[in-house]
PDB file of N, CA and C in Angstrom:
ATOM      1  N   MET A   1       0.447  -1.384   0.237  1.00  0.00           N
ATOM      2  CA  MET A   1       0.046  -0.188   0.313  1.00  0.00           C
ATOM      3  C   MET A   1       1.129   1.185  -0.259  1.00  0.00           C
ATOM      4  N   ASN A   2       0.672   2.645  -0.776  1.00  0.00           N
ATOM      5  CA  ASN A   2       0.959   3.065  -1.043  1.00  0.00           C
ATOM      6  C   ASN A   2       0.759   4.550  -0.088  1.00  0.00           C
ATOM      7  N   TRP A   3       1.086   5.525   0.192  1.00  0.00           N
ATOM      8  CA  TRP A   3       0.872   6.754   1.024  1.00  0.00           C
ATOM      9  C   TRP A   3      -0.333   7.354   1.150  1.00  0.00           C
ATOM     10  N   PHE A   4      -0.914   7.531  -0.298  1.00  0.00           N
ATOM     11  CA  PHE A   4      -2.256   7.526  -0.724  1.00  0.00           C
ATOM     12  C   PHE A   4      -3.018   7.063  -0.366  1.00  0.00           C
ATOM     13  N   GLU A   5      -3.009   5.239  -0.108  1.00  0.00           N
ATOM     14  CA  GLU A   5      -4.006   4.600   0.112  1.00  0.00           C
ATOM     15  C   GLU A   5      -4.339   4.366   1.687  1.00  0.00           C
ATOM     16  N   THR A   6      -3.129   4.680   2.126  1.00  0.00           N
ATOM     17  CA  THR A   6      -2.756   4.611   3.455  1.00  0.00           C
ATOM     18  C   THR A   6      -3.695   5.798   3.919  1.00  0.00           C
ATOM     19  N   VAL A   7      -3.289   6.601   3.494  1.00  0.00           N
ATOM     20  CA  VAL A   7      -4.045   8.669   4.379  1.00  0.00           C
ATOM     21  C   VAL A   7      -5.466   7.769   3.841  1.00  0.00           C
ATOM     22  N   LYS A   8      -5.511   7.901   2.506  1.00  0.00           N
ATOM     23  CA  LYS A   8      -7.351   7.735   2.386  1.00  0.00           C
ATOM     24  C   LYS A   8      -7.972   6.848   3.202  1.00  0.00           C
ATOM     25  N   LEU A   9      -7.780   5.635   3.424  1.00  0.00           N
ATOM     26  CA  LEU A   9      -8.161   4.899   4.134  1.00  0.00           C
ATOM     27  C   LEU A   9      -8.337   4.983   5.694  1.00  0.00           C
ATOM     28  N   TYR A  10      -7.412   5.851   6.189  1.00  0.00           N
ATOM     29  CA  TYR A  10      -7.595   5.847   7.933  1.00  0.00           C
ATOM     30  C   TYR A  10      -8.378   7.155   7.211  1.00  0.00           C
ATOM     31  N   TYR A  11      -8.454   8.029   6.867  1.00  0.00           N
ATOM     32  CA  TYR A  11      -9.301   9.215   6.277  1.00  0.00           C
ATOM     33  C   TYR A  11     -10.956   8.598   6.640  1.00  0.00           C
ATOM     34  N   ASP A  12     -10.645   7.426   5.491  1.00  0.00           N
ATOM     35  CA  ASP A  12     -12.445   6.707   5.219  1.00  0.00           C
ATOM     36  C   ASP A  12     -13.223   5.843   6.690  1.00  0.00           C
ATOM     37  N   TRP A  13     -11.739   5.577   7.218  1.00  0.00           N
ATOM     38  CA  TRP A  13     -12.394   5.151   8.677  1.00  0.00           C
ATOM     39  C   TRP A  13     -12.240   6.177   9.531  1.00  0.00           C
ATOM     40  N   GLU A  14     -12.273   7.146   9.340  1.00  0.00           N
ATOM     41  CA  GLU A  14     -12.678   8.909  10.185  1.00  0.00           C
ATOM     42  C   GLU A  14     -11.374   8.557  12.084  1.00  0.00           C
ATOM     43  N   CYS A  15     -10.384   7.948  11.100  1.00  0.00           N
ATOM     44  CA  CYS A  15      -8.938   8.223  12.380  1.00  0.00           C
ATOM     45  C   CYS A  15      -8.222   9.419  12.169  1.00  0.00           C
ATOM     46  N   TYR A  16      -8.427   9.607  10.724  1.00  0.00           N
ATOM     47  CA  TYR A  16      -7.591  10.985   9.924  1.00  0.00           C
ATOM     48  C   TYR A  16      -8.616  12.034   9.779  1.00  0.00           C
ATOM     49  N   ASP A  17      -7.988  13.150  10.173  1.00  0.00           N
ATOM     50  CA  ASP A  17      -8.919  14.336   9.499  1.00  0.00           C
ATOM     51  C   ASP A  17      -8.684  15.559   8.527  1.00  0.00           C
ATOM     52  N   ASP A  18      -9.830  15.906   8.738  1.00  0.00           N
ATOM     53  CA  ASP A  18      -8.503  17.257   6.985  1.00  0.00           C
ATOM     54  C   ASP A  18      -7.181  17.903   7.610  1.00  0.00           C
ATOM     55  N   ASN A  19      -7.253  18.445   8.379  1.00  0.00           N
ATOM     56  CA  ASN A  19      -5.758  18.326   8.976  1.00  0.00           C
ATOM     57  C   ASN A  19      -4.405  17.807   9.013  1.00  0.00           C
ATOM     58  N   ASP A  20      -4.860  16.402   9.582  1.00  0.00           N
ATOM     59  CA  ASP A  20      -4.302  15.184   9.446  1.00  0.00           C
ATOM     60  C   ASP A  20      -3.294  14.799   7.732  1.00  0.00           C
ATOM     61  N   VAL A  21      -4.542  14.981   7.231  1.00  0.00           N
ATOM     62  CA  VAL A  21      -3.902  15.010   5.313  1.00  0.00           C
ATOM     63  C   VAL A  21      -3.627  15.374   5.252  1.00  0.00           C
ATOM     64  N   LEU A  22      -3.367  16.827   5.271  1.00  0.00           N
ATOM     65  CA  LEU A  22      -2.468  18.170   5.422  1.00  0.00           C
ATOM     66  C   LEU A  22      -1.306  18.249   5.335  1.00  0.00           C
ATOM     67  N   ASP A  23      -0.869  17.608   6.921  1.00  0.00           N
ATOM     68  CA  ASP A  23      -0.128  17.402   7.475  1.00  0.00           C
ATOM     69  C   ASP A  23       1.138  16.162   6.129  1.00  0.00           C
ATOM     70  N   TYR A  24       0.668  15.264   5.716  1.00  0.00           N
ATOM     71  CA  TYR A  24       1.006  14.587   4.990  1.00  0.00           C
ATOM     72  C   TYR A  24       1.219  15.139   3.419  1.00  0.00           C
ATOM     73  N   TYR A  25       0.655  16.376   3.239  1.00  0.00           N
ATOM     74  CA  TYR A  25       0.259  17.215   1.978  1.00  0.00           C
ATOM     75  C   TYR A  25       1.739  17.868   2.252  1.00  0.00           C
ATOM     76  N   LYS A  26       1.997  18.674   2.808  1.00  0.00           N
ATOM     77  CA  LYS A  26       3.171  19.551   3.595  1.00  0.00           C
ATOM     78  C   LYS A  26       4.534  18.633   3.511  1.00  0.00           C
ATOM     79  N   TRP A  27       4.609  17.563   4.464  1.00  0.00           N
ATOM     80  CA  TRP A  27       5.482  16.357   3.969  1.00  0.00           C
ATOM     81  C   TRP A  27       5.866  16.469   2.945  1.00  0.00           C
ATOM     82  N   GLY A  28       5.186  16.236   1.702  1.00  0.00           N
ATOM     83  CA  GLY A  28       5.507  15.666   0.870  1.00  0.00           C
ATOM     84  C   GLY A  28       4.833  14.527   0.064  1.00  0.00           C
ATOM     85  N   TYR A  29       4.511  13.371   1.203  1.00  0.00           N
ATOM     86  CA  TYR A  29       3.990  12.161   1.421  1.00  0.00           C
ATOM     87  C   TYR A  29       2.600  12.063   0.282  1.00  0.00           C
ATOM     88  N   ILE A  30       2.453  12.946   0.054  1.00  0.00           N
ATOM     89  CA  ILE A  30       0.838  13.053  -1.140  1.00  0.00           C
ATOM     90  C   ILE A  30       0.635  14.221  -2.300  1.00  0.00           C
ATOM     91  N   THR A  31       0.124  14.402  -2.770  1.00  0.00           N
ATOM     92  CA  THR A  31      -0.530  15.400  -3.863  1.00  0.00           C
ATOM     93  C   THR A  31      -1.632  16.745  -3.489  1.00  0.00           C
ATOM     94  N   GLY A  32      -1.361  17.529  -4.032  1.00  0.00           N
ATOM     95  CA  GLY A  32      -2.320  18.878  -3.954  1.00  0.00           C
ATOM     96  C   GLY A  32      -3.484  17.797  -4.108  1.00  0.00           C
ATOM     97  N   ASN A  33      -3.299  17.114  -5.649  1.00  0.00           N
ATOM     98  CA  ASN A  33      -4.671  16.855  -5.770  1.00  0.00           C
ATOM     99  C   ASN A  33      -4.979  15.235  -5.132  1.00  0.00           C
ATOM    100  N   GLN A  34      -3.943  14.527  -5.046  1.00  0.00           N
ATOM    101  CA  GLN A  34      -4.653  13.528  -3.878  1.00  0.00           C
ATOM    102  C   GLN A  34      -5.028  14.196  -2.443  1.00  0.00           C
ATOM    103  N   PHE A  35      -4.995  15.558  -2.249  1.00  0.00           N
ATOM    104  CA  PHE A  35      -5.385  15.748  -0.810  1.00  0.00           C
ATOM    105  C   PHE A  35      -7.364  16.069  -1.025  1.00  0.00           C
ATOM    106  N   ILE A  36      -6.867  16.988  -2.299  1.00  0.00           N
ATOM    107  CA  ILE A  36      -8.232  16.966  -2.684  1.00  0.00           C
ATOM    108  C   ILE A  36      -9.427  16.231  -2.931  1.00  0.00           C
ATOM    109  N   GLU A  37      -8.592  14.911  -3.244  1.00  0.00           N
ATOM    110  CA  GLU A  37      -9.545  13.675  -3.734  1.00  0.00           C
ATOM    111  C   GLU A  37     -10.109  13.062  -2.649  1.00  0.00           C
ATOM    112  N   ILE A  38      -8.766  12.442  -1.163  1.00  0.00           N
ATOM    113  CA  ILE A  38      -9.179  12.154   0.137  1.00  0.00           C
ATOM    114  C   ILE A  38     -10.567  13.309   0.567  1.00  0.00           C
ATOM    115  N   THR A  39     -10.366  14.964   0.759  1.00  0.00           N
ATOM    116  CA  THR A  39     -11.042  15.006   1.907  1.00  0.00           C
ATOM    117  C   THR A  39     -12.479  15.673   1.110  1.00  0.00           C
ATOM    118  N   GLY A  40     -11.814  16.647  -0.443  1.00  0.00           N
ATOM    119  CA  GLY A  40     -13.193  16.836  -1.111  1.00  0.00           C
ATOM    120  C   GLY A  40     -12.905  18.098  -0.879  1.00  0.00           C
ATOM    121  N   GLU A  41     -11.939  18.792  -0.013  1.00  0.00           N
ATOM    122  CA  GLU A  41     -11.786  20.250  -0.344  1.00  0.00           C
ATOM    123  C   GLU A  41     -10.700  21.026  -0.894  1.00  0.00           C
ATOM    124  N   GLU A  42     -10.456  21.882  -1.158  1.00  0.00           N
ATOM    125  CA  GLU A  42      -9.526  22.752  -1.567  1.00  0.00           C
ATOM    126  C   GLU A  42      -8.117  22.808  -0.517  1.00  0.00           C
ATOM    127  N   ILE A  43      -6.805  23.182  -0.909  1.00  0.00           N
ATOM    128  CA  ILE A  43      -6.300  22.984   0.696  1.00  0.00           C
ATOM    129  C   ILE A  43      -5.718  24.479   0.790  1.00  0.00           C
ATOM    130  N   PRO A  44      -5.657  24.442   2.059  1.00  0.00           N
ATOM    131  CA  PRO A  44      -5.832  25.833   2.887  1.00  0.00           C
ATOM    132  C   PRO A  44      -4.988  26.386   2.877  1.00  0.00           C
ATOM    133  N   THR A  45      -5.099  28.000   2.204  1.00  0.00           N
ATOM    134  CA  THR A  45      -4.014  28.941   2.219  1.00  0.00           C
ATOM    135  C   THR A  45      -3.619  29.156   2.984  1.00  0.00           C
ATOM    136  N   THR A  46      -3.893  29.039   4.247  1.00  0.00           N
ATOM    137  CA  THR A  46      -3.531  29.934   5.696  1.00  0.00           C
ATOM    138  C   THR A  46      -2.841  28.834   6.360  1.00  0.00           C
TER     139      THR A  46
END
């Protein structure tokens, strides 16, 4: 399983919230498009 699949699975299980997924984006483990695909939200600018 890759980072995207793992983060998405944990998000679907409600173990992670948007802020957790944002951390994985900031750390470079997932792309911006993957963030949007997982959360359904745009990447926060602040």
